[in-house]
Amino acid sequence: MTRVAVPVIVIIWLVIGAIAAGQRGYYDGSNDNCNSIGTTLVTIVAGPLNYVGVNAEVECPEAPEPSE
C-alpha cells in the first residue's frame, strides 16, 4: 500500500459512517446530550460496519448532583 492509500481509506470509512449517521437522523439536533452525541460519533467511527448490522449506542452515566 502506498502512503496515500491509508489516509484515503480512512477518509472514505469516516464519510460512510457520516452518511449512516445522517440516514439514522442523528444530525437533527433536537436532542443534544451526552448519549446522542456519543452515539453519533461512534456511528461515524463504525463506518461501513453500520450496514452489516452494527448499531452502536452510547449511554453516559448520570452525573451526581452537587451537595448544598
PDB file of N, CA and C in Angstrom:
ATOM      1  N   MET A   1       0.837  -1.184   0.000  1.00  0.00           N
ATOM      2  CA  MET A   1       0.000   0.000   0.000  1.00  0.00           C
ATOM      3  C   MET A   1       0.877   1.241   0.000  1.00  0.00           C
ATOM      4  N   THR A   2       0.441   2.208  -0.708  1.00  0.00           N
ATOM      5  CA  THR A   2       1.209   3.442  -0.757  1.00  0.00           C
ATOM      6  C   THR A   2       0.858   4.327   0.428  1.00  0.00           C
ATOM      7  N   ARG A   3       1.626   5.378   0.589  1.00  0.00           N
ATOM      8  CA  ARG A   3       1.380   6.300   1.703  1.00  0.00           C
ATOM      9  C   ARG A   3       0.058   7.026   1.561  1.00  0.00           C
ATOM     10  N   VAL A   4      -0.419   7.172   0.359  1.00  0.00           N
ATOM     11  CA  VAL A   4      -1.652   7.902   0.117  1.00  0.00           C
ATOM     12  C   VAL A   4      -2.874   7.023   0.367  1.00  0.00           C
ATOM     13  N   ALA A   5      -2.743   5.733   0.160  1.00  0.00           N
ATOM     14  CA  ALA A   5      -3.888   4.833   0.229  1.00  0.00           C
ATOM     15  C   ALA A   5      -4.502   4.770   1.630  1.00  0.00           C
ATOM     16  N   VAL A   6      -3.715   4.704   2.661  1.00  0.00           N
ATOM     17  CA  VAL A   6      -4.241   4.567   4.023  1.00  0.00           C
ATOM     18  C   VAL A   6      -5.083   5.779   4.424  1.00  0.00           C
ATOM     19  N   PRO A   7      -4.594   7.002   4.259  1.00  0.00           N
ATOM     20  CA  PRO A   7      -5.459   8.143   4.612  1.00  0.00           C
ATOM     21  C   PRO A   7      -6.729   8.219   3.763  1.00  0.00           C
ATOM     22  N   VAL A   8      -6.636   7.840   2.500  1.00  0.00           N
ATOM     23  CA  VAL A   8      -7.819   7.861   1.640  1.00  0.00           C
ATOM     24  C   VAL A   8      -8.839   6.845   2.133  1.00  0.00           C
ATOM     25  N   ILE A   9      -8.388   5.665   2.516  1.00  0.00           N
ATOM     26  CA  ILE A   9      -9.297   4.637   3.034  1.00  0.00           C
ATOM     27  C   ILE A   9      -9.944   5.106   4.331  1.00  0.00           C
ATOM     28  N   VAL A  10      -9.181   5.733   5.209  1.00  0.00           N
ATOM     29  CA  VAL A  10      -9.726   6.241   6.472  1.00  0.00           C
ATOM     30  C   VAL A  10     -10.781   7.320   6.209  1.00  0.00           C
ATOM     31  N   ILE A  11     -10.500   8.214   5.283  1.00  0.00           N
ATOM     32  CA  ILE A  11     -11.462   9.273   4.960  1.00  0.00           C
ATOM     33  C   ILE A  11     -12.746   8.676   4.383  1.00  0.00           C
ATOM     34  N   ILE A  12     -12.624   7.724   3.475  1.00  0.00           N
ATOM     35  CA  ILE A  12     -13.800   7.074   2.897  1.00  0.00           C
ATOM     36  C   ILE A  12     -14.592   6.363   3.986  1.00  0.00           C
ATOM     37  N   TRP A  13     -13.890   5.676   4.899  1.00  0.00           N
ATOM     38  CA  TRP A  13     -14.524   4.964   6.019  1.00  0.00           C
ATOM     39  C   TRP A  13     -15.371   5.934   6.849  1.00  0.00           C
ATOM     40  N   LEU A  14     -14.779   7.087   7.200  1.00  0.00           N
ATOM     41  CA  LEU A  14     -15.482   8.067   8.029  1.00  0.00           C
ATOM     42  C   LEU A  14     -16.638   8.728   7.283  1.00  0.00           C
ATOM     43  N   VAL A  15     -16.476   8.953   5.987  1.00  0.00           N
ATOM     44  CA  VAL A  15     -17.567   9.524   5.195  1.00  0.00           C
ATOM     45  C   VAL A  15     -18.750   8.565   5.158  1.00  0.00           C
ATOM     46  N   ILE A  16     -18.479   7.278   4.991  1.00  0.00           N
ATOM     47  CA  ILE A  16     -19.554   6.280   5.007  1.00  0.00           C
ATOM     48  C   ILE A  16     -20.253   6.285   6.365  1.00  0.00           C
ATOM     49  N   GLY A  17     -19.489   6.393   7.446  1.00  0.00           N
ATOM     50  CA  GLY A  17     -20.080   6.469   8.775  1.00  0.00           C
ATOM     51  C   GLY A  17     -20.915   7.718   8.956  1.00  0.00           C
ATOM     52  N   ALA A  18     -20.461   8.842   8.410  1.00  0.00           N
ATOM     53  CA  ALA A  18     -21.223  10.087   8.500  1.00  0.00           C
ATOM     54  C   ALA A  18     -22.531   9.980   7.719  1.00  0.00           C
ATOM     55  N   ILE A  19     -22.483   9.308   6.591  1.00  0.00           N
ATOM     56  CA  ILE A  19     -23.707   9.093   5.812  1.00  0.00           C
ATOM     57  C   ILE A  19     -24.684   8.220   6.602  1.00  0.00           C
ATOM     58  N   ALA A  20     -24.168   7.169   7.236  1.00  0.00           N
ATOM     59  CA  ALA A  20     -25.032   6.290   8.042  1.00  0.00           C
ATOM     60  C   ALA A  20     -25.671   7.059   9.192  1.00  0.00           C
ATOM     61  N   ALA A  21     -24.899   7.934   9.852  1.00  0.00           N
ATOM     62  CA  ALA A  21     -25.449   8.737  10.944  1.00  0.00           C
ATOM     63  C   ALA A  21     -26.539   9.673  10.429  1.00  0.00           C
ATOM     64  N   GLY A  22     -26.338  10.226   9.253  1.00  0.00           N
ATOM     65  CA  GLY A  22     -27.355  11.083   8.656  1.00  0.00           C
ATOM     66  C   GLY A  22     -28.622  10.318   8.321  1.00  0.00           C
ATOM     67  N   GLN A  23     -28.465   9.096   7.808  1.00  0.00           N
ATOM     68  CA  GLN A  23     -29.628   8.283   7.474  1.00  0.00           C
ATOM     69  C   GLN A  23     -30.414   7.892   8.718  1.00  0.00           C
ATOM     70  N   ARG A  24     -29.748   7.785   9.835  1.00  0.00           N
ATOM     71  CA  ARG A  24     -30.424   7.445  11.088  1.00  0.00           C
ATOM     72  C   ARG A  24     -31.002   8.674  11.779  1.00  0.00           C
ATOM     73  N   GLY A  25     -30.786   9.853  11.225  1.00  0.00           N
ATOM     74  CA  GLY A  25     -31.370  11.076  11.772  1.00  0.00           C
ATOM     75  C   GLY A  25     -30.627  11.637  12.969  1.00  0.00           C
ATOM     76  N   TYR A  26     -29.346  11.340  13.093  1.00  0.00           N
ATOM     77  CA  TYR A  26     -28.598  11.804  14.261  1.00  0.00           C
ATOM     78  C   TYR A  26     -28.189  13.273  14.173  1.00  0.00           C
ATOM     79  N   TYR A  27     -28.362  13.911  13.034  1.00  0.00           N
ATOM     80  CA  TYR A  27     -27.941  15.300  12.877  1.00  0.00           C
ATOM     81  C   TYR A  27     -29.075  16.297  13.073  1.00  0.00           C
ATOM     82  N   ASP A  28     -30.246  15.850  13.478  1.00  0.00           N
ATOM     83  CA  ASP A  28     -31.370  16.771  13.593  1.00  0.00           C
ATOM     84  C   ASP A  28     -31.196  17.783  14.720  1.00  0.00           C
ATOM     85  N   GLY A  29     -30.359  17.486  15.707  1.00  0.00           N
ATOM     86  CA  GLY A  29     -30.028  18.448  16.754  1.00  0.00           C
ATOM     87  C   GLY A  29     -31.104  18.676  17.786  1.00  0.00           C
ATOM     88  N   SER A  30     -32.170  17.906  17.752  1.00  0.00           N
ATOM     89  CA  SER A  30     -33.244  18.135  18.704  1.00  0.00           C
ATOM     90  C   SER A  30     -32.922  17.597  20.094  1.00  0.00           C
ATOM     91  N   ASN A  31     -31.938  16.722  20.204  1.00  0.00           N
ATOM     92  CA  ASN A  31     -31.636  16.108  21.484  1.00  0.00           C
ATOM     93  C   ASN A  31     -30.120  16.066  21.691  1.00  0.00           C
ATOM     94  N   ASP A  32     -29.530  17.235  21.918  1.00  0.00           N
ATOM     95  CA  ASP A  32     -28.080  17.308  22.094  1.00  0.00           C
ATOM     96  C   ASP A  32     -27.705  17.037  23.547  1.00  0.00           C
ATOM     97  N   ASN A  33     -27.408  15.791  23.846  1.00  0.00           N
ATOM     98  CA  ASN A  33     -26.920  15.427  25.170  1.00  0.00           C
ATOM     99  C   ASN A  33     -25.785  14.426  24.990  1.00  0.00           C
ATOM    100  N   CYS A  34     -25.232  13.972  26.057  1.00  0.00           N
ATOM    101  CA  CYS A  34     -24.087  13.064  26.005  1.00  0.00           C
ATOM    102  C   CYS A  34     -24.415  11.792  25.225  1.00  0.00           C
ATOM    103  N   ASN A  35     -25.576  11.226  25.458  1.00  0.00           N
ATOM    104  CA  ASN A  35     -25.946   9.981  24.783  1.00  0.00           C
ATOM    105  C   ASN A  35     -26.034  10.162  23.278  1.00  0.00           C
ATOM    106  N   SER A  36     -26.714  11.199  22.824  1.00  0.00           N
ATOM    107  CA  SER A  36     -26.909  11.372  21.384  1.00  0.00           C
ATOM    108  C   SER A  36     -25.614  11.765  20.686  1.00  0.00           C
ATOM    109  N   ILE A  37     -24.815  12.607  21.299  1.00  0.00           N
ATOM    110  CA  ILE A  37     -23.539  12.999  20.692  1.00  0.00           C
ATOM    111  C   ILE A  37     -22.590  11.807  20.640  1.00  0.00           C
ATOM    112  N   GLY A  38     -22.518  11.044  21.717  1.00  0.00           N
ATOM    113  CA  GLY A  38     -21.662   9.857  21.741  1.00  0.00           C
ATOM    114  C   GLY A  38     -22.082   8.820  20.717  1.00  0.00           C
ATOM    115  N   THR A  39     -23.380   8.590  20.597  1.00  0.00           N
ATOM    116  CA  THR A  39     -23.891   7.625  19.625  1.00  0.00           C
ATOM    117  C   THR A  39     -23.578   8.083  18.208  1.00  0.00           C
ATOM    118  N   THR A  40     -23.710   9.374  17.940  1.00  0.00           N
ATOM    119  CA  THR A  40     -23.386   9.899  16.612  1.00  0.00           C
ATOM    120  C   THR A  40     -21.915   9.676  16.282  1.00  0.00           C
ATOM    121  N   LEU A  41     -21.038   9.984  17.218  1.00  0.00           N
ATOM    122  CA  LEU A  41     -19.603   9.821  16.975  1.00  0.00           C
ATOM    123  C   LEU A  41     -19.214   8.357  16.789  1.00  0.00           C
ATOM    124  N   VAL A  42     -19.783   7.475  17.588  1.00  0.00           N
ATOM    125  CA  VAL A  42     -19.475   6.049  17.454  1.00  0.00           C
ATOM    126  C   VAL A  42     -20.002   5.514  16.128  1.00  0.00           C
ATOM    127  N   THR A  43     -21.140   5.997  15.688  1.00  0.00           N
ATOM    128  CA  THR A  43     -21.689   5.578  14.395  1.00  0.00           C
ATOM    129  C   THR A  43     -20.769   6.008  13.264  1.00  0.00           C
ATOM    130  N   ILE A  44     -20.238   7.220  13.347  1.00  0.00           N
ATOM    131  CA  ILE A  44     -19.313   7.700  12.312  1.00  0.00           C
ATOM    132  C   ILE A  44     -18.050   6.851  12.299  1.00  0.00           C
ATOM    133  N   VAL A  45     -17.495   6.549  13.453  1.00  0.00           N
ATOM    134  CA  VAL A  45     -16.267   5.755  13.527  1.00  0.00           C
ATOM    135  C   VAL A  45     -16.505   4.323  13.051  1.00  0.00           C
ATOM    136  N   ALA A  46     -17.702   3.791  13.278  1.00  0.00           N
ATOM    137  CA  ALA A  46     -18.001   2.421  12.836  1.00  0.00           C
ATOM    138  C   ALA A  46     -18.051   2.311  11.324  1.00  0.00           C
ATOM    139  N   GLY A  47     -18.279   3.417  10.638  1.00  0.00           N
ATOM    140  CA  GLY A  47     -18.229   3.450   9.179  1.00  0.00           C
ATOM    141  C   GLY A  47     -19.129   2.423   8.514  1.00  0.00           C
ATOM    142  N   PRO A  48     -18.571   1.637   7.571  1.00  0.00           N
ATOM    143  CA  PRO A  48     -19.365   0.663   6.818  1.00  0.00           C
ATOM    144  C   PRO A  48     -19.948  -0.454   7.674  1.00  0.00           C
ATOM    145  N   LEU A  49     -19.455  -0.631   8.878  1.00  0.00           N
ATOM    146  CA  LEU A  49     -19.987  -1.680   9.750  1.00  0.00           C
ATOM    147  C   LEU A  49     -21.454  -1.426  10.079  1.00  0.00           C
ATOM    148  N   ASN A  50     -21.888  -0.175   9.956  1.00  0.00           N
ATOM    149  CA  ASN A  50     -23.295   0.159  10.194  1.00  0.00           C
ATOM    150  C   ASN A  50     -24.214  -0.578   9.231  1.00  0.00           C
ATOM    151  N   TYR A  51     -23.710  -0.904   8.058  1.00  0.00           N
ATOM    152  CA  TYR A  51     -24.537  -1.536   7.035  1.00  0.00           C
ATOM    153  C   TYR A  51     -24.514  -3.057   7.096  1.00  0.00           C
ATOM    154  N   VAL A  52     -23.770  -3.612   8.046  1.00  0.00           N
ATOM    155  CA  VAL A  52     -23.768  -5.067   8.224  1.00  0.00           C
ATOM    156  C   VAL A  52     -24.339  -5.459   9.583  1.00  0.00           C
ATOM    157  N   GLY A  53     -25.054  -4.537  10.208  1.00  0.00           N
ATOM    158  CA  GLY A  53     -25.764  -4.878  11.430  1.00  0.00           C
ATOM    159  C   GLY A  53     -25.265  -4.243  12.710  1.00  0.00           C
ATOM    160  N   VAL A  54     -24.162  -3.515  12.672  1.00  0.00           N
ATOM    161  CA  VAL A  54     -23.673  -2.865  13.886  1.00  0.00           C
ATOM    162  C   VAL A  54     -24.569  -1.668  14.192  1.00  0.00           C
ATOM    163  N   ASN A  55     -25.073  -1.610  15.406  1.00  0.00           N
ATOM    164  CA  ASN A  55     -25.897  -0.491  15.838  1.00  0.00           C
ATOM    165  C   ASN A  55     -25.318   0.024  17.145  1.00  0.00           C
ATOM    166  N   ALA A  56     -24.256   0.794  17.033  1.00  0.00           N
ATOM    167  CA  ALA A  56     -23.544   1.276  18.210  1.00  0.00           C
ATOM    168  C   ALA A  56     -24.343   2.358  18.917  1.00  0.00           C
ATOM    169  N   GLU A  57     -24.473   2.225  20.222  1.00  0.00           N
ATOM    170  CA  GLU A  57     -25.145   3.227  21.036  1.00  0.00           C
ATOM    171  C   GLU A  57     -24.310   3.488  22.277  1.00  0.00           C
ATOM    172  N   VAL A  58     -24.326   4.723  22.720  1.00  0.00           N
ATOM    173  CA  VAL A  58     -23.567   5.123  23.898  1.00  0.00           C
ATOM    174  C   VAL A  58     -24.541   5.577  24.971  1.00  0.00           C
ATOM    175  N   GLU A  59     -24.334   5.108  26.181  1.00  0.00           N
ATOM    176  CA  GLU A  59     -25.114   5.575  27.322  1.00  0.00           C
ATOM    177  C   GLU A  59     -24.153   6.181  28.335  1.00  0.00           C
ATOM    178  N   CYS A  60     -24.306   7.451  28.563  1.00  0.00           N
ATOM    179  CA  CYS A  60     -23.425   8.149  29.504  1.00  0.00           C
ATOM    180  C   CYS A  60     -23.970   7.994  30.919  1.00  0.00           C
ATOM    181  N   PRO A  61     -23.086   7.861  31.885  1.00  0.00           N
ATOM    182  CA  PRO A  61     -23.550   7.756  33.277  1.00  0.00           C
ATOM    183  C   PRO A  61     -24.114   9.097  33.747  1.00  0.00           C
ATOM    184  N   GLU A  62     -25.026   9.007  34.657  1.00  0.00           N
ATOM    185  CA  GLU A  62     -25.612  10.216  35.232  1.00  0.00           C
ATOM    186  C   GLU A  62     -24.590  10.879  36.142  1.00  0.00           C
ATOM    187  N   ALA A  63     -24.464  12.176  36.003  1.00  0.00           N
ATOM    188  CA  ALA A  63     -23.566  12.919  36.865  1.00  0.00           C
ATOM    189  C   ALA A  63     -24.235  13.140  38.220  1.00  0.00           C
ATOM    190  N   PRO A  64     -23.477  13.014  39.293  1.00  0.00           N
ATOM    191  CA  PRO A  64     -24.087  13.228  40.614  1.00  0.00           C
ATOM    192  C   PRO A  64     -24.451  14.706  40.799  1.00  0.00           C
ATOM    193  N   GLU A  65     -25.522  14.918  41.536  1.00  0.00           N
ATOM    194  CA  GLU A  65     -25.960  16.275  41.841  1.00  0.00           C
ATOM    195  C   GLU A  65     -25.021  16.878  42.886  1.00  0.00           C
ATOM    196  N   PRO A  66     -24.719  18.154  42.763  1.00  0.00           N
ATOM    197  CA  PRO A  66     -23.862  18.795  43.780  1.00  0.00           C
ATOM    198  C   PRO A  66     -24.581  18.898  45.120  1.00  0.00           C
ATOM    199  N   SER A  67     -23.837  18.770  46.186  1.00  0.00           N
ATOM    200  CA  SER A  67     -24.447  18.896  47.507  1.00  0.00           C
ATOM    201  C   SER A  67     -24.669  20.370  47.833  1.00  0.00           C
ATOM    202  N   GLU A  68     -25.609  20.599  48.710  1.00  0.00           N
ATOM    203  CA  GLU A  68     -25.933  22.001  49.076  1.00  0.00           C
ATOM    204  C   GLU A  68     -25.189  22.434  50.290  1.00  0.00           C
TER     205      GLU A  68
END
